[in-house]
Amino acid sequence: MKQTTKQDISQDMAFSGYFLLGLIALVIVRSSKVTCEELAVNTVSPIIDISLSRNSFPEGFIFGAGSSSYQFEGAAKEGGREPSVWDTFTHNYPGKIMDRSNGDVAIDSYHHYKEDVGMMKDMNLDSYRFSISWSRILPKGKLSGGINQEGINYYNNLINELVANGIQPLVTLFHWDLPQALEDEYGGFLSPRIVKDFRDYAELCFREFGDRVKYWVTLNEPWSYSQNGYANGRMAPGRCSAWMNLNCTGGDSSTEPYLVTHHQLLAHATAVRVYKTKYQASQSGVIGITLVANWFLPLRDTKSDQKATERAIDFMYGWFVDPLTSGDYPKSMRSLVRTRLPKFTAEQSKLLIGSFDFIGLNYYSTTYASDAPHLSNARPSYLTDSLVTPAYERDGKPIGIKIASDWLYVYPRGIRDLLLYTKEKYNNPLIYITENGINEYNEPILSLEESLMDIFRIDYHYRHLFYLRSAIRFRIPYINGWAFILCSSINLIFILFSMEDCFNVGKVSSLSASDLAYNLLLHLAAQE
């Protein structure tokens, strides 16, 4: 029988109010450095010092969980599906994946979706966010290459199972797994041709599934796709400048990230226009985009570091939100990147402005920003164009407790500050908190029971929920939910965020945090 995980706990515990589903990056990545006991010394049980209940959040706040197709489905060569860029990347560059694994089997939800949905029902989840594998329903990536009815049937079955169990599906159209056929034909998102093919793919999904799907996300974390796929080559399709010596497939870190983002934004806006003009009225759904953002603080209380902080936010968050609200990139980016930054036509700007019903927001951590004018002499790259050096310590003191990932430090207040910033700068858009979570170090000597006593992770989510509630009380009425990362199809593993990390799931899927999750939910319920 399938079990839930720690993460699921958190998911239920947090979704007491508005609607917020979450993407899932699946897997617990653990490496041995710090023990649970050592972490516990630096944190306080949320049950002791913070009082939260489901009633702490607005009526209608929905409990949800999420996943992504390549990390979750498996059946990579079954059912008429053809390869995506992630299939190619993980097989050709296994060394770039932790433990050299891939998504051929993953969590095998393709064969176990009924069990998964049953588990979600047992957890009393209201919503489930999943992404569609583009190459499962359009193997060649475009309509002219043929529609794979077997793929359509799979998603119909999944959606019907969710609806039959009272669980609202939230569907992400693109979670980085571009059909390899389009990458081979014209370079994928490097080409403006992708806009039409994405529009056609999106419309096929609206037509086939929109009578039951009321929440759509066009793109998940386009920043991650642009930076990690085209600036440093850490993720598919693995492109970057040759001078970086990062074993990339080719590329130009000074231009390609900007071009890919440009086409992602236009593809998003074009798909939204199709939905709003042809389907929204009859299907009564909403559509948006999910963005990831750190919060940034100046390393020093100087004007130069304060300006650097603004640039850091612009280059990660404003890069996307500014075009969606004003029709153009942030002024700082236009000033620094200059001719390497693509320009929108007047018609494209009009298309972009207001092309969302909501913004999904993924938050994990906060970073210090330090002005770095010397980077103006570096080789051109998106990674240095902002003239900002990130830092995680000030005067030897970390910004927060460090987790397994080298960039992830616990700073719960950052989620409130980011929400307040969004409210003030972007006219208070409707927001869904679509991801929040941490990974942890591996502790192979611990028993299963000890591993499941995940007080630190509970504390992390509890404190973020506390600041989310604080943001709502700061008159941000349009925060519509909270999502925790869901994992594993056979067993849900409480996990984390990065695409590579999810490939460990097959090895740890026997670890379940159902008891922990259940206990946390009981605690919240007891506080009502």
Protein backbone atom coordinates (compact mmCIF):
# COMPACT_ATOMS: atom_id res chain seq x y z
CA MET A 1 0.00 0.00 0.00
CA LYS A 2 1.30 3.44 -0.87
CA GLN A 3 2.21 5.91 1.80
CA THR A 4 2.55 9.61 2.06
CA THR A 5 5.67 11.54 2.95
CA LYS A 6 6.88 14.29 5.14
CA GLN A 7 6.31 16.74 2.47
CA ASP A 8 2.79 15.80 2.14
CA ILE A 9 2.31 16.63 5.68
CA SER A 10 3.50 20.01 5.19
CA GLN A 11 1.43 20.33 2.15
CA ASP A 12 -1.76 19.63 3.93
CA MET A 13 -0.82 21.59 6.93
CA ALA A 14 -0.17 24.63 4.88
CA PHE A 15 -3.03 24.67 2.52
CA SER A 16 -5.67 25.95 4.78
CA GLY A 17 -6.74 28.85 2.78
CA TYR A 18 -6.58 30.29 -0.63
CA PHE A 19 -5.57 28.18 -3.54
CA LEU A 20 -2.00 27.29 -4.14
CA LEU A 21 -0.68 24.25 -5.71
CA GLY A 22 2.84 23.37 -6.00
CA LEU A 23 5.24 22.06 -8.42
CA ILE A 24 7.20 19.29 -7.30
CA ALA A 25 10.70 18.86 -7.58
CA LEU A 26 11.04 15.60 -6.23
CA VAL A 27 13.41 13.90 -4.07
CA ILE A 28 15.17 14.06 -0.95
CA VAL A 29 18.78 14.67 -1.75
CA ARG A 30 20.86 13.82 1.23
CA SER A 31 24.60 13.98 1.73
CA SER A 32 26.32 13.36 4.99
CA LYS A 33 27.51 16.42 6.86
CA VAL A 34 25.08 17.62 9.46
CA THR A 35 22.90 15.46 11.66
CA CYS A 36 19.27 16.05 12.49
CA GLU A 37 20.29 16.61 16.08
CA GLU A 38 22.73 19.35 15.09
CA LEU A 39 20.13 21.04 12.94
CA ALA A 40 17.60 20.83 15.72
CA VAL A 41 19.91 22.77 18.00
CA ASN A 42 19.59 25.73 15.64
CA THR A 43 15.85 25.69 15.32
CA VAL A 44 12.83 25.70 17.56
CA SER A 45 9.91 23.37 17.24
CA PRO A 46 7.12 25.26 15.47
CA ILE A 47 4.64 23.54 17.71
CA ILE A 48 6.14 25.34 20.69
CA ASP A 49 6.72 28.91 19.61
CA ILE A 50 4.41 29.61 16.68
CA SER A 51 0.69 29.06 16.82
CA LEU A 52 -0.92 28.31 13.46
CA SER A 53 -4.07 26.54 12.44
CA ARG A 54 -6.13 26.18 9.34
CA ASN A 55 -8.18 29.08 10.61
CA SER A 56 -5.04 31.22 10.45
CA PHE A 57 -5.55 31.57 6.72
CA PRO A 58 -8.38 32.97 4.61
CA GLU A 59 -11.41 30.88 3.82
CA GLY A 60 -10.87 28.96 0.60
CA PHE A 61 -7.14 28.36 1.07
CA ILE A 62 -6.59 25.02 -0.64
CA PHE A 63 -4.33 22.15 0.32
CA GLY A 64 -2.36 20.89 -2.66
CA ALA A 65 0.67 19.09 -3.96
CA GLY A 66 2.53 19.03 -7.23
CA SER A 67 4.80 17.16 -9.60
CA SER A 68 6.40 17.44 -13.03
CA SER A 69 6.13 14.99 -15.89
CA TYR A 70 9.78 14.02 -16.40
CA GLN A 71 10.42 13.68 -12.69
CA PHE A 72 7.26 11.77 -12.01
CA GLU A 73 5.76 9.78 -14.86
CA GLY A 74 8.46 7.39 -16.00
CA ALA A 75 7.40 5.26 -19.00
CA ALA A 76 9.76 7.36 -21.07
CA LYS A 77 9.61 4.98 -24.02
CA GLU A 78 6.03 3.80 -23.60
CA GLY A 79 2.66 4.92 -24.85
CA GLY A 80 3.92 6.65 -27.98
CA ARG A 81 6.06 9.18 -26.13
CA GLU A 82 9.23 10.37 -27.84
CA PRO A 83 12.31 11.93 -26.21
CA SER A 84 12.50 15.36 -24.64
CA VAL A 85 15.65 17.39 -24.14
CA TRP A 86 15.84 15.96 -20.63
CA ASP A 87 15.99 12.40 -21.93
CA THR A 88 18.88 13.40 -24.16
CA PHE A 89 20.62 15.40 -21.45
CA THR A 90 20.51 12.74 -18.74
CA HIS A 91 21.66 9.98 -21.07
CA ASN A 92 24.41 11.98 -22.78
CA TYR A 93 25.64 13.82 -19.69
CA PRO A 94 24.94 11.53 -16.72
CA GLY A 95 27.75 13.15 -14.77
CA LYS A 96 25.69 16.33 -14.48
CA ILE A 97 23.01 14.43 -12.57
CA MET A 98 23.44 13.52 -8.93
CA ASP A 99 23.92 9.72 -8.82
CA ARG A 100 23.89 9.62 -12.67
CA SER A 101 20.24 8.63 -12.79
CA ASN A 102 17.50 9.65 -15.22
CA GLY A 103 13.74 9.80 -15.67
CA ASP A 104 13.24 6.59 -17.64
CA VAL A 105 11.29 5.10 -14.73
CA ALA A 106 11.28 7.97 -12.21
CA ILE A 107 8.34 7.50 -9.83
CA ASP A 108 6.45 5.47 -12.41
CA SER A 109 3.27 7.45 -11.90
CA TYR A 110 2.32 6.58 -15.47
CA HIS A 111 1.46 3.10 -14.23
CA HIS A 112 0.44 4.04 -10.68
CA TYR A 113 -1.63 7.19 -11.07
CA LYS A 114 -4.72 5.61 -9.51
CA GLU A 115 -2.75 4.71 -6.40
CA ASP A 116 -1.31 8.21 -6.33
CA VAL A 117 -4.72 9.80 -6.52
CA GLY A 118 -6.01 7.47 -3.83
CA MET A 119 -3.17 8.56 -1.59
CA MET A 120 -3.98 12.21 -2.29
CA LYS A 121 -7.58 11.58 -1.35
CA ASP A 122 -6.49 9.93 1.90
CA MET A 123 -4.48 13.08 2.61
CA ASN A 124 -7.54 15.23 1.96
CA LEU A 125 -5.75 17.23 -0.71
CA ASP A 126 -7.92 19.69 -2.57
CA SER A 127 -5.64 20.17 -5.57
CA TYR A 128 -2.89 18.45 -7.48
CA ARG A 129 -0.53 20.24 -9.83
CA PHE A 130 1.13 18.20 -12.56
CA SER A 131 2.76 18.99 -15.88
CA ILE A 132 2.02 17.50 -19.26
CA SER A 133 4.81 15.86 -21.21
CA TRP A 134 4.70 17.75 -24.49
CA SER A 135 6.30 14.87 -26.38
CA ARG A 136 3.80 12.40 -24.95
CA ILE A 137 0.88 14.03 -26.74
CA LEU A 138 2.81 15.57 -29.65
CA PRO A 139 5.78 13.22 -30.17
CA LYS A 140 7.31 15.48 -32.83
CA GLY A 141 6.42 18.62 -30.91
CA LYS A 142 4.01 19.98 -33.50
CA LEU A 143 0.58 19.20 -34.88
CA SER A 144 1.97 18.30 -38.30
CA GLY A 145 3.90 15.46 -36.66
CA GLY A 146 0.69 13.87 -35.43
CA ILE A 147 -1.25 13.70 -32.18
CA ASN A 148 -0.58 10.71 -29.94
CA GLN A 149 -4.02 9.60 -28.77
CA GLU A 150 -2.49 7.23 -26.25
CA GLY A 151 -0.91 10.20 -24.53
CA ILE A 152 -4.19 12.12 -24.60
CA ASN A 153 -5.89 9.11 -23.05
CA TYR A 154 -3.37 8.96 -20.20
CA TYR A 155 -3.97 12.56 -19.17
CA ASN A 156 -7.72 12.19 -19.57
CA ASN A 157 -7.60 9.19 -17.26
CA LEU A 158 -5.49 11.05 -14.70
CA ILE A 159 -7.72 14.13 -14.78
CA ASN A 160 -10.88 12.05 -14.55
CA GLU A 161 -9.46 10.13 -11.59
CA LEU A 162 -8.63 13.37 -9.81
CA VAL A 163 -12.04 14.91 -10.44
CA ALA A 164 -13.82 11.73 -9.39
CA ASN A 165 -12.00 11.91 -6.07
CA GLY A 166 -12.79 15.57 -5.50
CA ILE A 167 -9.29 16.82 -6.32
CA GLN A 168 -8.91 19.88 -8.53
CA PRO A 169 -6.24 19.49 -11.25
CA LEU A 170 -3.84 22.36 -11.90
CA VAL A 171 -1.96 21.75 -15.12
CA THR A 172 1.45 23.09 -16.10
CA LEU A 173 2.05 23.07 -19.84
CA PHE A 174 5.84 23.35 -19.85
CA HIS A 175 8.20 22.17 -17.13
CA TRP A 176 11.43 22.28 -19.15
CA ASP A 177 10.93 18.98 -21.06
CA LEU A 178 10.91 20.36 -24.61
CA PRO A 179 10.41 17.73 -27.32
CA GLN A 180 13.84 16.80 -28.63
CA ALA A 181 12.44 16.95 -32.16
CA LEU A 182 11.98 20.72 -31.87
CA GLU A 183 15.43 21.16 -30.36
CA ASP A 184 16.88 19.27 -33.31
CA GLU A 185 14.79 21.04 -35.94
CA TYR A 186 15.35 24.68 -35.01
CA GLY A 187 16.95 24.96 -31.58
CA GLY A 188 13.79 25.03 -29.51
CA PHE A 189 13.32 28.25 -27.57
CA LEU A 190 16.29 29.82 -29.35
CA SER A 191 14.02 30.26 -32.35
CA PRO A 192 10.87 32.39 -32.71
CA ARG A 193 9.31 29.37 -34.41
CA ILE A 194 8.71 27.92 -30.96
CA VAL A 195 5.93 30.47 -30.32
CA LYS A 196 3.57 28.95 -32.87
CA ASP A 197 4.33 25.37 -31.89
CA PHE A 198 3.79 26.15 -28.21
CA ARG A 199 0.54 27.90 -29.03
CA ASP A 200 -0.69 24.87 -30.97
CA TYR A 201 0.35 22.51 -28.17
CA ALA A 202 -1.34 24.68 -25.56
CA GLU A 203 -4.55 24.91 -27.56
CA LEU A 204 -4.62 21.14 -27.98
CA CYS A 205 -4.48 20.85 -24.19
CA PHE A 206 -7.19 23.47 -23.68
CA ARG A 207 -9.42 21.68 -26.15
CA GLU A 208 -8.86 18.19 -24.80
CA PHE A 209 -8.76 18.86 -21.05
CA GLY A 210 -10.17 22.32 -20.41
CA ASP A 211 -13.69 21.16 -19.59
CA ARG A 212 -12.26 19.71 -16.34
CA VAL A 213 -9.07 21.73 -15.79
CA LYS A 214 -9.80 25.12 -14.26
CA TYR A 215 -6.24 26.18 -13.43
CA TRP A 216 -3.52 26.44 -16.07
CA VAL A 217 0.17 27.38 -15.78
CA THR A 218 1.90 28.05 -19.09
CA LEU A 219 5.54 27.89 -17.97
CA ASN A 220 7.22 26.73 -14.79
CA GLU A 221 10.20 28.81 -13.71
CA PRO A 222 11.31 30.20 -17.08
CA TRP A 223 14.26 31.79 -15.24
CA SER A 224 15.56 28.35 -14.27
CA TYR A 225 15.21 27.11 -17.83
CA SER A 226 17.05 30.13 -19.28
CA GLN A 227 19.84 30.33 -16.72
CA ASN A 228 20.54 26.67 -16.12
CA GLY A 229 19.87 25.58 -19.68
CA TYR A 230 21.70 28.37 -21.51
CA ALA A 231 23.96 30.35 -19.13
CA ASN A 232 25.74 27.66 -17.10
CA GLY A 233 24.63 24.42 -18.79
CA ARG A 234 23.66 22.67 -15.57
CA MET A 235 20.29 21.56 -16.94
CA ALA A 236 18.89 20.55 -20.30
CA PRO A 237 19.65 21.37 -23.02
CA GLY A 238 23.01 22.08 -21.37
CA ARG A 239 24.27 25.08 -23.33
CA CYS A 240 26.81 27.73 -22.31
CA SER A 241 29.85 29.56 -23.67
CA ALA A 242 32.85 27.37 -24.45
CA TRP A 243 35.20 29.59 -22.43
CA MET A 244 33.38 28.56 -19.24
CA ASN A 245 34.78 25.01 -19.60
CA LEU A 246 31.61 23.42 -18.23
CA ASN A 247 31.29 20.62 -20.79
CA CYS A 248 28.36 22.27 -22.54
CA THR A 249 26.80 21.26 -25.83
CA GLY A 250 27.62 24.65 -27.37
CA GLY A 251 26.08 28.04 -26.82
CA ASP A 252 26.66 31.66 -25.87
CA SER A 253 26.02 32.65 -22.25
CA SER A 254 25.96 36.33 -23.20
CA THR A 255 23.02 36.14 -25.62
CA GLU A 256 21.15 32.84 -25.48
CA PRO A 257 19.61 33.19 -22.00
CA TYR A 258 18.05 36.49 -23.08
CA LEU A 259 16.82 35.12 -26.38
CA VAL A 260 15.29 32.05 -24.74
CA THR A 261 13.51 34.17 -22.14
CA HIS A 262 12.22 36.47 -24.88
CA HIS A 263 10.66 33.56 -26.74
CA GLN A 264 9.34 31.97 -23.55
CA LEU A 265 7.50 35.19 -22.70
CA LEU A 266 6.04 35.49 -26.19
CA ALA A 267 5.02 31.83 -26.19
CA HIS A 268 3.35 32.32 -22.82
CA ALA A 269 1.46 35.43 -23.88
CA THR A 270 0.35 33.87 -27.16
CA ALA A 271 -1.02 30.80 -25.38
CA VAL A 272 -2.82 33.01 -22.86
CA ARG A 273 -4.45 34.99 -25.66
CA VAL A 274 -5.71 31.79 -27.25
CA TYR A 275 -7.16 30.62 -23.95
CA LYS A 276 -8.81 33.94 -23.14
CA THR A 277 -10.30 34.49 -26.57
CA LYS A 278 -11.46 30.96 -27.38
CA TYR A 279 -11.86 28.90 -24.20
CA GLN A 280 -12.03 30.86 -20.97
CA ALA A 281 -15.64 31.99 -21.24
CA SER A 282 -16.99 28.50 -21.85
CA GLN A 283 -14.55 26.60 -19.60
CA SER A 284 -14.54 29.09 -16.69
CA GLY A 285 -10.87 28.60 -15.87
CA VAL A 286 -7.89 30.83 -15.10
CA ILE A 287 -4.39 30.90 -16.52
CA GLY A 288 -1.04 32.18 -15.29
CA ILE A 289 2.70 31.60 -15.12
CA THR A 290 4.93 30.29 -12.32
CA LEU A 291 8.08 32.27 -11.49
CA VAL A 292 10.87 31.60 -9.02
CA ALA A 293 12.53 34.35 -7.02
CA ASN A 294 14.93 34.73 -4.16
CA TRP A 295 14.59 37.74 -1.94
CA PHE A 296 17.74 39.88 -1.81
CA LEU A 297 19.22 42.06 0.92
CA PRO A 298 22.16 44.49 0.61
CA LEU A 299 25.36 43.03 2.01
CA ARG A 300 26.29 46.43 3.42
CA ASP A 301 24.18 49.43 4.29
CA THR A 302 25.54 51.45 1.39
CA LYS A 303 23.86 53.02 -1.61
CA SER A 304 25.92 50.88 -3.97
CA ASP A 305 24.82 47.62 -2.34
CA GLN A 306 21.23 48.83 -2.16
CA LYS A 307 21.33 49.47 -5.90
CA ALA A 308 22.93 46.06 -6.40
CA THR A 309 20.03 44.50 -4.51
CA GLU A 310 17.56 46.15 -6.87
CA ARG A 311 19.50 44.86 -9.87
CA ALA A 312 19.63 41.34 -8.46
CA ILE A 313 15.85 41.32 -8.13
CA ASP A 314 15.46 42.75 -11.63
CA PHE A 315 17.70 40.12 -13.22
CA MET A 316 15.85 37.21 -11.59
CA TYR A 317 12.27 38.35 -11.05
CA GLY A 318 11.70 41.62 -12.89
CA TRP A 319 13.10 40.01 -16.03
CA PHE A 320 9.70 38.31 -16.28
CA VAL A 321 7.23 40.35 -14.24
CA ASP A 322 8.12 43.69 -15.83
CA PRO A 323 7.23 42.55 -19.37
CA LEU A 324 4.00 40.99 -18.07
CA THR A 325 2.96 44.24 -16.39
CA SER A 326 4.63 47.02 -18.39
CA GLY A 327 5.53 45.40 -21.71
CA ASP A 328 9.29 45.83 -21.41
CA TYR A 329 12.32 44.56 -19.51
CA PRO A 330 13.56 46.35 -16.37
CA LYS A 331 15.46 49.56 -16.98
CA SER A 332 18.56 48.16 -15.27
CA MET A 333 18.69 45.25 -17.70
CA ARG A 334 18.20 47.48 -20.73
CA SER A 335 21.01 49.71 -19.50
CA LEU A 336 23.52 46.95 -18.73
CA VAL A 337 22.79 44.32 -21.38
CA ARG A 338 22.09 46.80 -24.16
CA THR A 339 22.03 45.33 -27.66
CA ARG A 340 22.26 41.76 -26.37
CA LEU A 341 18.80 42.14 -24.83
CA PRO A 342 16.05 41.53 -27.41
CA LYS A 343 13.39 44.20 -27.91
CA PHE A 344 9.63 43.80 -28.01
CA THR A 345 7.64 45.36 -30.80
CA ALA A 346 4.70 47.58 -29.85
CA GLU A 347 2.36 44.73 -30.74
CA GLN A 348 4.31 42.24 -28.63
CA SER A 349 4.31 44.59 -25.65
CA LYS A 350 0.54 44.93 -25.91
CA LEU A 351 0.25 41.15 -26.06
CA LEU A 352 2.37 40.72 -22.92
CA ILE A 353 0.78 43.32 -20.66
CA GLY A 354 -1.75 41.66 -18.38
CA SER A 355 -1.27 38.21 -19.93
CA PHE A 356 -2.07 36.39 -16.69
CA ASP A 357 -4.90 35.86 -14.25
CA PHE A 358 -2.40 34.98 -11.53
CA ILE A 359 1.32 34.69 -10.89
CA GLY A 360 2.61 31.50 -9.32
CA LEU A 361 5.52 32.28 -7.02
CA ASN A 362 8.20 29.82 -5.90
CA TYR A 363 10.29 30.93 -2.92
CA TYR A 364 13.09 29.08 -1.16
CA SER A 365 15.74 31.42 0.16
CA THR A 366 17.22 34.91 0.52
CA THR A 367 20.65 36.11 -0.60
CA TYR A 368 22.87 39.09 0.13
CA ALA A 369 23.79 41.26 -2.85
CA SER A 370 27.03 43.19 -3.17
CA ASP A 371 27.87 45.75 -5.83
CA ALA A 372 30.53 44.38 -8.18
CA PRO A 373 31.51 47.06 -10.72
CA HIS A 374 34.66 45.10 -11.63
CA LEU A 375 32.43 42.56 -13.40
CA SER A 376 31.97 45.10 -16.19
CA ASN A 377 35.41 43.95 -17.36
CA ALA A 378 34.47 40.26 -17.35
CA ARG A 379 33.56 38.34 -20.44
CA PRO A 380 29.90 39.06 -21.27
CA SER A 381 27.53 36.59 -19.63
CA TYR A 382 24.09 36.67 -18.08
CA LEU A 383 25.79 35.39 -14.93
CA THR A 384 27.76 38.64 -14.49
CA ASP A 385 25.75 41.24 -16.41
CA SER A 386 23.94 42.44 -13.28
CA LEU A 387 27.27 43.55 -11.74
CA VAL A 388 26.23 41.83 -8.52
CA THR A 389 28.12 39.34 -6.39
CA PRO A 390 25.84 37.12 -4.27
CA ALA A 391 26.84 36.36 -0.69
CA TYR A 392 25.42 34.15 2.03
CA GLU A 393 27.34 35.53 5.02
CA ARG A 394 27.88 38.95 6.53
CA ASP A 395 30.84 39.37 8.88
CA GLY A 396 31.12 35.60 9.21
CA LYS A 397 27.46 35.12 10.13
CA PRO A 398 25.26 33.18 7.67
CA ILE A 399 22.05 34.82 6.52
CA GLY A 400 20.27 31.74 7.84
CA ILE A 401 20.78 28.07 8.61
CA LYS A 402 22.44 26.38 5.63
CA ILE A 403 20.72 23.39 4.08
CA ALA A 404 22.20 20.70 1.82
CA SER A 405 22.21 22.87 -1.31
CA ASP A 406 25.03 25.37 -1.26
CA TRP A 407 22.70 28.28 -2.09
CA LEU A 408 19.80 27.44 0.21
CA TYR A 409 19.79 29.23 3.55
CA VAL A 410 16.68 29.39 5.69
CA TYR A 411 15.24 32.91 5.75
CA PRO A 412 11.46 32.67 6.21
CA ARG A 413 10.88 36.42 6.38
CA GLY A 414 11.98 36.65 2.77
CA ILE A 415 8.68 35.27 1.54
CA ARG A 416 6.80 38.11 3.19
CA ASP A 417 9.22 40.74 1.92
CA LEU A 418 9.00 39.36 -1.61
CA LEU A 419 5.20 39.42 -1.49
CA LEU A 420 5.13 42.99 -0.18
CA TYR A 421 7.57 44.02 -2.91
CA THR A 422 5.36 42.41 -5.54
CA LYS A 423 2.29 44.14 -4.15
CA GLU A 424 3.86 47.58 -4.19
CA LYS A 425 5.74 47.39 -7.48
CA TYR A 426 3.33 45.38 -9.60
CA ASN A 427 -0.08 46.59 -8.45
CA ASN A 428 -0.99 43.70 -6.18
CA PRO A 429 -1.45 40.81 -8.64
CA LEU A 430 -3.20 37.60 -7.65
CA ILE A 431 -0.51 35.25 -6.33
CA TYR A 432 -0.35 31.51 -5.77
CA ILE A 433 2.63 30.31 -3.71
CA THR A 434 3.41 27.37 -5.92
CA GLU A 435 6.56 26.00 -4.29
CA ASN A 436 8.43 26.16 -1.02
CA GLY A 437 10.76 23.60 0.54
CA ILE A 438 14.24 22.43 1.47
CA ASN A 439 16.53 19.47 1.01
CA GLU A 440 18.68 17.92 3.69
CA TYR A 441 21.93 16.06 4.26
CA ASN A 442 22.09 12.30 3.96
CA GLU A 443 22.25 10.42 7.24
CA PRO A 444 22.60 6.75 6.27
CA ILE A 445 23.08 5.59 9.86
CA LEU A 446 19.60 6.70 10.88
CA SER A 447 16.73 4.25 11.01
CA LEU A 448 13.59 4.86 8.98
CA GLU A 449 11.75 5.97 12.09
CA GLU A 450 14.50 8.45 12.96
CA SER A 451 14.59 9.78 9.41
CA LEU A 452 10.89 10.45 9.52
CA MET A 453 11.21 12.67 12.57
CA ASP A 454 11.68 15.62 10.28
CA ILE A 455 11.23 18.43 12.77
CA PHE A 456 13.59 20.76 10.93
CA ARG A 457 11.62 20.65 7.71
CA ILE A 458 8.35 21.08 9.56
CA ASP A 459 9.88 24.10 11.25
CA TYR A 460 10.92 25.51 7.87
CA HIS A 461 7.41 25.32 6.47
CA TYR A 462 5.78 26.45 9.66
CA ARG A 463 7.87 29.60 9.80
CA HIS A 464 7.25 30.39 6.14
CA LEU A 465 3.54 29.97 6.74
CA PHE A 466 3.84 32.35 9.67
CA TYR A 467 5.33 35.03 7.41
CA LEU A 468 2.80 34.25 4.70
CA ARG A 469 0.05 34.92 7.19
CA SER A 470 1.87 38.11 8.15
CA ALA A 471 1.89 39.18 4.49
CA ILE A 472 -1.84 38.62 4.25
CA ARG A 473 -2.31 40.81 7.30
CA PHE A 474 -0.30 43.49 5.52
CA ARG A 475 -3.32 43.86 3.28
CA ILE A 476 -2.26 41.55 0.50
CA PRO A 477 -5.69 40.04 -0.11
CA TYR A 478 -4.69 38.22 -3.25
CA ILE A 479 -2.52 35.43 -1.91
CA ASN A 480 -4.50 32.42 -3.00
CA GLY A 481 -2.66 29.47 -1.64
CA TRP A 482 0.38 27.53 -0.58
CA ALA A 483 2.02 24.51 -2.08
CA PHE A 484 4.51 22.03 -0.79
CA ILE A 485 6.61 19.73 -2.87
CA LEU A 486 5.13 16.33 -3.40
CA CYS A 487 7.14 13.34 -4.38
CA SER A 488 7.21 9.73 -5.36
CA SER A 489 4.44 7.79 -6.86
CA ILE A 490 4.93 4.61 -4.95
CA ASN A 491 5.80 6.49 -1.80
CA LEU A 492 5.72 10.24 -1.47
CA ILE A 493 9.08 11.49 -0.31
CA PHE A 494 9.28 14.85 1.35
CA ILE A 495 11.66 16.67 -0.88
CA LEU A 496 13.05 19.49 -2.61
CA PHE A 497 13.37 21.58 -5.65
CA SER A 498 15.86 20.85 -8.31
CA MET A 499 15.29 18.81 -11.40
CA GLU A 500 18.45 16.75 -11.02
CA ASP A 501 17.58 15.91 -7.47
CA CYS A 502 14.44 14.15 -8.41
CA PHE A 503 16.28 11.27 -9.95
CA ASN A 504 17.19 9.93 -6.54
CA VAL A 505 13.57 9.10 -5.90
CA GLY A 506 13.81 5.57 -7.14
CA LYS A 507 16.42 4.80 -4.52
CA VAL A 508 14.69 6.47 -1.61
CA SER A 509 11.09 5.84 -2.49
CA SER A 510 10.77 3.34 0.31
CA LEU A 511 11.17 6.17 2.81
CA SER A 512 7.79 7.55 3.66
CA ALA A 513 6.87 10.43 5.87
CA SER A 514 3.22 9.66 6.15
CA ASP A 515 3.29 9.48 9.93
CA LEU A 516 5.11 12.77 10.21
CA ALA A 517 2.77 14.48 7.81
CA TYR A 518 -0.25 13.08 9.52
CA ASN A 519 0.96 14.22 12.93
CA LEU A 520 1.59 17.73 11.69
CA LEU A 521 -1.88 17.93 10.19
CA LEU A 522 -3.32 16.69 13.44
CA HIS A 523 -1.46 19.44 15.24
CA LEU A 524 -2.89 22.10 12.95
CA ALA A 525 -6.35 20.69 13.29
CA ALA A 526 -6.00 20.67 17.06
CA GLN A 527 -5.26 24.39 16.99
CA GLU A 528 -8.52 25.26 15.25
